[in-house]
Amino acid sequence: MGTVLGWSSPAITSMGDTDSSPRLTDSGTQTEAWIKSSTTLGALVGALASGPLAQVLGRKMALILYGLPMLAGFGCLWLASNFATIIIGRTLTGLGAGLVSGTAPTYV
């Protein structure tokens, strides 16, 4: 989850480089805001869904399966060639973070 939360700080900086693909040309744009905040939207949905999912699947199995949106999200970030894919990846990693943060304390 630390990587999910901290990813945007160094990534936004490197997206401003001339050889970056995709390249963020202006600092403080709406695109930059979406990249930074989309994790929070995913986490909101994940936190709300984590309780019912943990009850249905069991806490241990739920925590194992919660790795899937994280994996898919980081896959999107790794393969991203445009900003829409980055935002989808950030939303998926946020979803995974929200799911885990709601279930892990109960499991422990």
N, C-alpha and C. Protein backbone atom coordinates (compact mmCIF):
# COMPACT_ATOMS: atom_id res chain seq x y z
N MET A 1 0.81 -1.19 0.00
CA MET A 1 0.00 0.00 0.00
C MET A 1 0.86 1.25 0.00
N GLY A 2 2.06 1.16 0.55
CA GLY A 2 2.93 2.32 0.54
C GLY A 2 3.30 2.73 -0.86
N THR A 3 3.52 1.75 -1.72
CA THR A 3 3.83 2.04 -3.12
C THR A 3 2.64 2.68 -3.81
N VAL A 4 1.45 2.22 -3.49
CA VAL A 4 0.23 2.80 -4.08
C VAL A 4 0.13 4.28 -3.71
N LEU A 5 0.34 4.57 -2.43
CA LEU A 5 0.18 5.94 -1.97
C LEU A 5 1.30 6.85 -2.44
N GLY A 6 2.51 6.34 -2.51
CA GLY A 6 3.65 7.18 -2.85
C GLY A 6 4.05 7.21 -4.31
N TRP A 7 3.38 6.44 -5.16
CA TRP A 7 3.78 6.30 -6.55
C TRP A 7 3.74 7.61 -7.32
N SER A 8 2.74 8.42 -7.10
CA SER A 8 2.54 9.59 -7.95
C SER A 8 3.61 10.65 -7.78
N SER A 9 4.21 10.77 -6.62
CA SER A 9 5.19 11.83 -6.40
C SER A 9 6.40 11.71 -7.34
N PRO A 10 7.12 10.59 -7.37
CA PRO A 10 8.23 10.50 -8.32
C PRO A 10 7.77 10.32 -9.76
N ALA A 11 6.61 9.69 -9.96
CA ALA A 11 6.14 9.44 -11.32
C ALA A 11 5.76 10.73 -12.04
N ILE A 12 5.08 11.63 -11.35
CA ILE A 12 4.68 12.90 -11.97
C ILE A 12 5.93 13.68 -12.38
N THR A 13 6.94 13.66 -11.53
CA THR A 13 8.18 14.36 -11.84
C THR A 13 8.83 13.78 -13.09
N SER A 14 8.90 12.44 -13.18
CA SER A 14 9.55 11.83 -14.34
C SER A 14 8.71 11.95 -15.61
N MET A 15 7.39 12.12 -15.50
CA MET A 15 6.55 12.32 -16.68
C MET A 15 6.79 13.67 -17.33
N GLY A 16 7.43 14.57 -16.63
CA GLY A 16 7.77 15.86 -17.21
C GLY A 16 9.04 15.84 -18.04
N ASP A 17 9.81 14.75 -17.97
CA ASP A 17 11.04 14.64 -18.75
C ASP A 17 10.73 14.58 -20.25
N THR A 18 11.66 15.07 -21.04
CA THR A 18 11.44 15.13 -22.49
C THR A 18 11.34 13.75 -23.13
N ASP A 19 11.95 12.73 -22.55
CA ASP A 19 11.92 11.39 -23.15
C ASP A 19 10.84 10.50 -22.53
N SER A 20 9.95 11.08 -21.74
CA SER A 20 8.89 10.31 -21.08
C SER A 20 7.75 10.02 -22.04
N SER A 21 7.17 8.83 -21.89
CA SER A 21 5.99 8.48 -22.68
C SER A 21 4.98 7.83 -21.75
N PRO A 22 3.83 8.40 -21.51
CA PRO A 22 3.34 9.68 -22.00
C PRO A 22 4.03 10.83 -21.28
N ARG A 23 4.05 11.96 -21.93
CA ARG A 23 4.74 13.13 -21.39
C ARG A 23 3.74 14.14 -20.86
N LEU A 24 3.95 14.55 -19.62
CA LEU A 24 3.13 15.56 -18.97
C LEU A 24 3.80 16.90 -19.22
N THR A 25 3.17 17.74 -20.04
CA THR A 25 3.83 18.98 -20.49
C THR A 25 3.68 20.13 -19.52
N ASP A 26 2.54 20.23 -18.83
CA ASP A 26 2.32 21.35 -17.92
C ASP A 26 2.09 20.85 -16.51
N SER A 27 2.82 21.42 -15.58
CA SER A 27 2.62 21.07 -14.18
C SER A 27 1.33 21.72 -13.67
N GLY A 28 0.60 21.00 -12.83
CA GLY A 28 -0.62 21.54 -12.26
C GLY A 28 -1.84 21.42 -13.15
N THR A 29 -1.80 20.56 -14.15
CA THR A 29 -2.93 20.41 -15.06
C THR A 29 -4.00 19.51 -14.46
N GLN A 30 -5.13 19.47 -15.13
CA GLN A 30 -6.23 18.62 -14.69
C GLN A 30 -5.83 17.14 -14.81
N THR A 31 -5.04 16.81 -15.80
CA THR A 31 -4.57 15.43 -15.95
C THR A 31 -3.74 15.02 -14.74
N GLU A 32 -2.87 15.89 -14.31
CA GLU A 32 -2.04 15.61 -13.13
C GLU A 32 -2.92 15.42 -11.90
N ALA A 33 -3.94 16.23 -11.76
CA ALA A 33 -4.85 16.12 -10.63
C ALA A 33 -5.58 14.77 -10.64
N TRP A 34 -6.01 14.32 -11.82
CA TRP A 34 -6.69 13.03 -11.92
C TRP A 34 -5.74 11.88 -11.59
N ILE A 35 -4.50 11.99 -12.05
CA ILE A 35 -3.52 10.94 -11.75
C ILE A 35 -3.31 10.84 -10.25
N LYS A 36 -3.20 11.97 -9.60
CA LYS A 36 -2.95 11.97 -8.15
C LYS A 36 -4.15 11.56 -7.33
N SER A 37 -5.35 11.90 -7.77
CA SER A 37 -6.54 11.67 -6.93
C SER A 37 -7.34 10.42 -7.28
N SER A 38 -7.06 9.77 -8.39
CA SER A 38 -7.86 8.61 -8.77
C SER A 38 -7.70 7.44 -7.79
N THR A 39 -6.59 7.37 -7.12
CA THR A 39 -6.40 6.32 -6.11
C THR A 39 -7.45 6.45 -5.01
N THR A 40 -7.73 7.67 -4.62
CA THR A 40 -8.69 7.89 -3.55
C THR A 40 -10.09 7.42 -3.93
N LEU A 41 -10.47 7.61 -5.18
CA LEU A 41 -11.78 7.15 -5.64
C LEU A 41 -11.88 5.63 -5.57
N GLY A 42 -10.83 4.96 -6.01
CA GLY A 42 -10.81 3.49 -5.93
C GLY A 42 -10.82 3.01 -4.49
N ALA A 43 -10.09 3.69 -3.62
CA ALA A 43 -10.03 3.30 -2.22
C ALA A 43 -11.39 3.46 -1.53
N LEU A 44 -12.14 4.47 -1.92
CA LEU A 44 -13.47 4.67 -1.36
C LEU A 44 -14.36 3.47 -1.66
N VAL A 45 -14.37 3.05 -2.91
CA VAL A 45 -15.18 1.90 -3.31
C VAL A 45 -14.68 0.63 -2.61
N GLY A 46 -13.36 0.46 -2.57
CA GLY A 46 -12.79 -0.73 -1.94
C GLY A 46 -13.09 -0.82 -0.46
N ALA A 47 -13.00 0.30 0.23
CA ALA A 47 -13.27 0.29 1.67
C ALA A 47 -14.72 -0.05 1.97
N LEU A 48 -15.63 0.45 1.14
CA LEU A 48 -17.04 0.15 1.34
C LEU A 48 -17.37 -1.31 1.03
N ALA A 49 -16.66 -1.90 0.07
CA ALA A 49 -16.94 -3.27 -0.34
C ALA A 49 -16.20 -4.31 0.48
N SER A 50 -15.18 -3.91 1.22
CA SER A 50 -14.32 -4.89 1.88
C SER A 50 -15.04 -5.69 2.96
N GLY A 51 -15.91 -5.06 3.73
CA GLY A 51 -16.62 -5.78 4.79
C GLY A 51 -17.52 -6.89 4.27
N PRO A 52 -18.43 -6.57 3.36
CA PRO A 52 -19.29 -7.63 2.82
C PRO A 52 -18.50 -8.72 2.08
N LEU A 53 -17.47 -8.34 1.35
CA LEU A 53 -16.67 -9.35 0.65
C LEU A 53 -15.94 -10.27 1.62
N ALA A 54 -15.41 -9.70 2.69
CA ALA A 54 -14.72 -10.51 3.68
C ALA A 54 -15.67 -11.48 4.38
N GLN A 55 -16.91 -11.07 4.58
CA GLN A 55 -17.89 -11.97 5.19
C GLN A 55 -18.25 -13.12 4.27
N VAL A 56 -18.36 -12.83 2.98
CA VAL A 56 -18.75 -13.87 2.02
C VAL A 56 -17.58 -14.82 1.73
N LEU A 57 -16.40 -14.25 1.49
CA LEU A 57 -15.24 -15.06 1.09
C LEU A 57 -14.43 -15.60 2.26
N GLY A 58 -14.57 -15.00 3.41
CA GLY A 58 -13.68 -15.29 4.53
C GLY A 58 -12.52 -14.31 4.46
N ARG A 59 -11.99 -13.94 5.63
CA ARG A 59 -10.96 -12.90 5.65
C ARG A 59 -9.69 -13.29 4.92
N LYS A 60 -9.22 -14.51 5.12
CA LYS A 60 -7.96 -14.94 4.50
C LYS A 60 -8.09 -14.99 2.98
N MET A 61 -9.13 -15.62 2.48
CA MET A 61 -9.31 -15.71 1.03
C MET A 61 -9.54 -14.34 0.43
N ALA A 62 -10.27 -13.50 1.14
CA ALA A 62 -10.51 -12.14 0.65
C ALA A 62 -9.19 -11.39 0.49
N LEU A 63 -8.33 -11.48 1.50
CA LEU A 63 -7.04 -10.78 1.41
C LEU A 63 -6.18 -11.31 0.27
N ILE A 64 -6.25 -12.59 0.02
CA ILE A 64 -5.50 -13.16 -1.11
C ILE A 64 -6.05 -12.62 -2.43
N LEU A 65 -7.37 -12.59 -2.56
CA LEU A 65 -7.98 -12.12 -3.81
C LEU A 65 -7.86 -10.62 -4.01
N TYR A 66 -7.69 -9.87 -2.93
CA TYR A 66 -7.54 -8.42 -3.04
C TYR A 66 -6.24 -8.04 -3.74
N GLY A 67 -5.35 -8.99 -3.88
CA GLY A 67 -4.13 -8.73 -4.63
C GLY A 67 -4.37 -8.60 -6.13
N LEU A 68 -5.49 -9.13 -6.61
CA LEU A 68 -5.78 -9.08 -8.05
C LEU A 68 -5.97 -7.66 -8.58
N PRO A 69 -6.76 -6.80 -7.93
CA PRO A 69 -6.84 -5.43 -8.45
C PRO A 69 -5.51 -4.68 -8.34
N MET A 70 -4.74 -5.00 -7.31
CA MET A 70 -3.41 -4.37 -7.18
C MET A 70 -2.52 -4.80 -8.35
N LEU A 71 -2.52 -6.08 -8.64
CA LEU A 71 -1.71 -6.61 -9.73
C LEU A 71 -2.15 -6.03 -11.07
N ALA A 72 -3.45 -5.99 -11.30
CA ALA A 72 -3.97 -5.42 -12.55
C ALA A 72 -3.65 -3.93 -12.65
N GLY A 73 -3.76 -3.22 -11.54
CA GLY A 73 -3.46 -1.80 -11.54
C GLY A 73 -2.00 -1.50 -11.83
N PHE A 74 -1.10 -2.24 -11.18
CA PHE A 74 0.32 -2.02 -11.45
C PHE A 74 0.70 -2.48 -12.86
N GLY A 75 -0.02 -3.49 -13.38
CA GLY A 75 0.19 -3.88 -14.78
C GLY A 75 -0.19 -2.75 -15.72
N CYS A 76 -1.31 -2.09 -15.44
CA CYS A 76 -1.72 -0.93 -16.25
C CYS A 76 -0.68 0.18 -16.18
N LEU A 77 -0.17 0.44 -14.99
CA LEU A 77 0.84 1.50 -14.84
C LEU A 77 2.12 1.15 -15.59
N TRP A 78 2.48 -0.11 -15.55
CA TRP A 78 3.72 -0.55 -16.21
C TRP A 78 3.59 -0.46 -17.73
N LEU A 79 2.42 -0.80 -18.26
CA LEU A 79 2.22 -0.83 -19.71
C LEU A 79 1.60 0.45 -20.27
N ALA A 80 1.41 1.44 -19.44
CA ALA A 80 0.68 2.65 -19.86
C ALA A 80 1.37 3.39 -20.98
N SER A 81 0.58 3.72 -22.00
CA SER A 81 1.08 4.54 -23.10
C SER A 81 0.29 5.84 -23.22
N ASN A 82 -0.73 5.98 -22.36
CA ASN A 82 -1.51 7.22 -22.35
C ASN A 82 -2.00 7.47 -20.93
N PHE A 83 -2.55 8.66 -20.71
CA PHE A 83 -2.95 9.03 -19.36
C PHE A 83 -4.20 8.29 -18.89
N ALA A 84 -5.06 7.90 -19.79
CA ALA A 84 -6.26 7.14 -19.40
C ALA A 84 -5.87 5.82 -18.75
N THR A 85 -4.88 5.15 -19.30
CA THR A 85 -4.42 3.88 -18.73
C THR A 85 -3.79 4.10 -17.36
N ILE A 86 -3.09 5.20 -17.19
CA ILE A 86 -2.50 5.51 -15.88
C ILE A 86 -3.61 5.74 -14.86
N ILE A 87 -4.63 6.47 -15.24
CA ILE A 87 -5.73 6.75 -14.31
C ILE A 87 -6.49 5.46 -13.96
N ILE A 88 -6.68 4.58 -14.93
CA ILE A 88 -7.31 3.28 -14.65
C ILE A 88 -6.44 2.47 -13.70
N GLY A 89 -5.14 2.45 -13.94
CA GLY A 89 -4.22 1.73 -13.07
C GLY A 89 -4.22 2.28 -11.65
N ARG A 90 -4.23 3.60 -11.53
CA ARG A 90 -4.26 4.23 -10.20
C ARG A 90 -5.57 3.91 -9.49
N THR A 91 -6.68 3.89 -10.22
CA THR A 91 -7.97 3.57 -9.61
C THR A 91 -8.00 2.12 -9.14
N LEU A 92 -7.45 1.21 -9.93
CA LEU A 92 -7.41 -0.20 -9.53
C LEU A 92 -6.51 -0.42 -8.32
N THR A 93 -5.37 0.24 -8.28
CA THR A 93 -4.50 0.09 -7.11
C THR A 93 -5.16 0.70 -5.88
N GLY A 94 -5.88 1.78 -6.06
CA GLY A 94 -6.64 2.37 -4.95
C GLY A 94 -7.73 1.43 -4.47
N LEU A 95 -8.40 0.77 -5.39
CA LEU A 95 -9.42 -0.21 -5.04
C LEU A 95 -8.80 -1.31 -4.17
N GLY A 96 -7.67 -1.83 -4.60
CA GLY A 96 -6.99 -2.86 -3.82
C GLY A 96 -6.57 -2.36 -2.45
N ALA A 97 -6.07 -1.14 -2.38
CA ALA A 97 -5.65 -0.57 -1.09
C ALA A 97 -6.85 -0.39 -0.16
N GLY A 98 -7.97 0.05 -0.71
CA GLY A 98 -9.17 0.20 0.10
C GLY A 98 -9.70 -1.13 0.61
N LEU A 99 -9.66 -2.14 -0.25
CA LEU A 99 -10.11 -3.47 0.16
C LEU A 99 -9.24 -4.00 1.29
N VAL A 100 -7.93 -3.90 1.12
CA VAL A 100 -7.00 -4.41 2.12
C VAL A 100 -7.12 -3.65 3.44
N SER A 101 -7.24 -2.34 3.36
CA SER A 101 -7.27 -1.54 4.59
C SER A 101 -8.53 -1.79 5.41
N GLY A 102 -9.57 -2.27 4.79
CA GLY A 102 -10.77 -2.59 5.54
C GLY A 102 -10.76 -3.98 6.15
N THR A 103 -10.02 -4.92 5.55
CA THR A 103 -10.06 -6.30 6.00
C THR A 103 -8.84 -6.71 6.81
N ALA A 104 -7.67 -6.22 6.47
CA ALA A 104 -6.44 -6.64 7.15
C ALA A 104 -6.45 -6.42 8.65
N PRO A 105 -6.91 -5.26 9.15
CA PRO A 105 -6.93 -5.09 10.61
C PRO A 105 -7.82 -6.11 11.31
N THR A 106 -8.91 -6.48 10.69
CA THR A 106 -9.81 -7.47 11.27
C THR A 106 -9.16 -8.85 11.27
N TYR A 107 -8.44 -9.17 10.19
CA TYR A 107 -7.78 -10.46 10.09
C TYR A 107 -6.67 -10.59 11.13
N VAL A 108 -5.90 -9.52 11.29
CA VAL A 108 -4.77 -9.55 12.23
C VAL A 108 -5.30 -9.66 13.65
